[in-house]
Amino acid sequence: MSRLKPSPEAQEWGKRQAARSPRWTDQKWERIATILGVAINPADPELKQDDEATEHRREAA
């Protein structure tokens, strides 16, 4: 079964919405992880992509 991909316009809209949303600090992520009893793996490829996207938005601002 093929998966539908969002249009480039939809992807750009999503990126704009994400850029406007509040960001959690590392300390807040750590508090939530402690409360939930989970470990956040900084080597996770998805987290690395998020970090790179955040850094890119900071450079563009």
Protein backbone atom coordinates (compact mmCIF):
# COMPACT_ATOMS: atom_id res chain seq x y z
CA MET A 1 0.00 0.00 0.00
CA SER A 2 1.48 3.38 -0.95
CA ARG A 3 1.47 6.20 1.55
CA LEU A 4 0.32 9.64 0.55
CA LYS A 5 2.88 12.39 0.94
CA PRO A 6 1.80 15.89 1.92
CA SER A 7 2.17 18.55 -0.72
CA PRO A 8 5.13 20.94 -0.50
CA GLU A 9 2.68 23.69 0.45
CA ALA A 10 1.32 21.59 3.31
CA GLN A 11 4.85 20.82 4.49
CA GLU A 12 5.78 24.52 4.46
CA TRP A 13 2.59 25.40 6.36
CA GLY A 14 3.46 22.77 8.97
CA LYS A 15 6.99 24.14 9.30
CA ARG A 16 5.64 27.68 9.79
CA GLN A 17 3.21 26.47 12.45
CA ALA A 18 5.96 24.55 14.24
CA ALA A 19 8.27 27.58 14.15
CA ARG A 20 5.59 29.67 15.88
CA SER A 21 4.92 27.14 18.62
CA PRO A 22 6.54 27.45 22.04
CA ARG A 23 9.69 25.41 22.63
CA TRP A 24 10.38 23.34 25.72
CA THR A 25 13.73 23.78 27.40
CA ASP A 26 15.99 20.80 28.03
CA GLN A 27 15.18 21.17 31.72
CA LYS A 28 11.45 20.85 31.06
CA TRP A 29 12.00 17.74 28.91
CA GLU A 30 14.08 16.25 31.73
CA ARG A 31 11.35 17.01 34.33
CA ILE A 32 8.67 15.42 32.16
CA ALA A 33 10.88 12.39 31.49
CA THR A 34 11.40 12.00 35.24
CA ILE A 35 7.67 12.27 35.93
CA LEU A 36 6.84 9.70 33.24
CA GLY A 37 9.77 7.46 34.12
CA VAL A 38 11.23 7.47 30.62
CA ALA A 39 14.67 8.16 29.22
CA ILE A 40 15.15 10.58 26.38
CA ASN A 41 17.82 9.25 24.04
CA PRO A 42 19.74 12.16 22.49
CA ALA A 43 21.24 9.74 19.93
CA ASP A 44 17.75 9.02 18.52
CA PRO A 45 17.77 9.99 14.79
CA GLU A 46 14.36 11.67 15.12
CA LEU A 47 15.61 13.87 17.94
CA LYS A 48 18.70 14.74 15.92
CA GLN A 49 16.49 15.87 13.01
CA ASP A 50 14.46 18.04 15.40
CA ASP A 51 17.64 19.60 16.80
CA GLU A 52 18.93 20.33 13.30
CA ALA A 53 15.61 21.89 12.28
CA THR A 54 15.57 24.04 15.43
CA GLU A 55 19.13 25.20 14.77
CA HIS A 56 18.23 26.01 11.16
CA ARG A 57 15.28 28.14 12.31
CA ARG A 58 17.54 29.99 14.80
CA GLU A 59 20.03 30.77 12.03
CA ALA A 60 17.26 32.00 9.72
CA ALA A 61 15.84 34.38 12.37
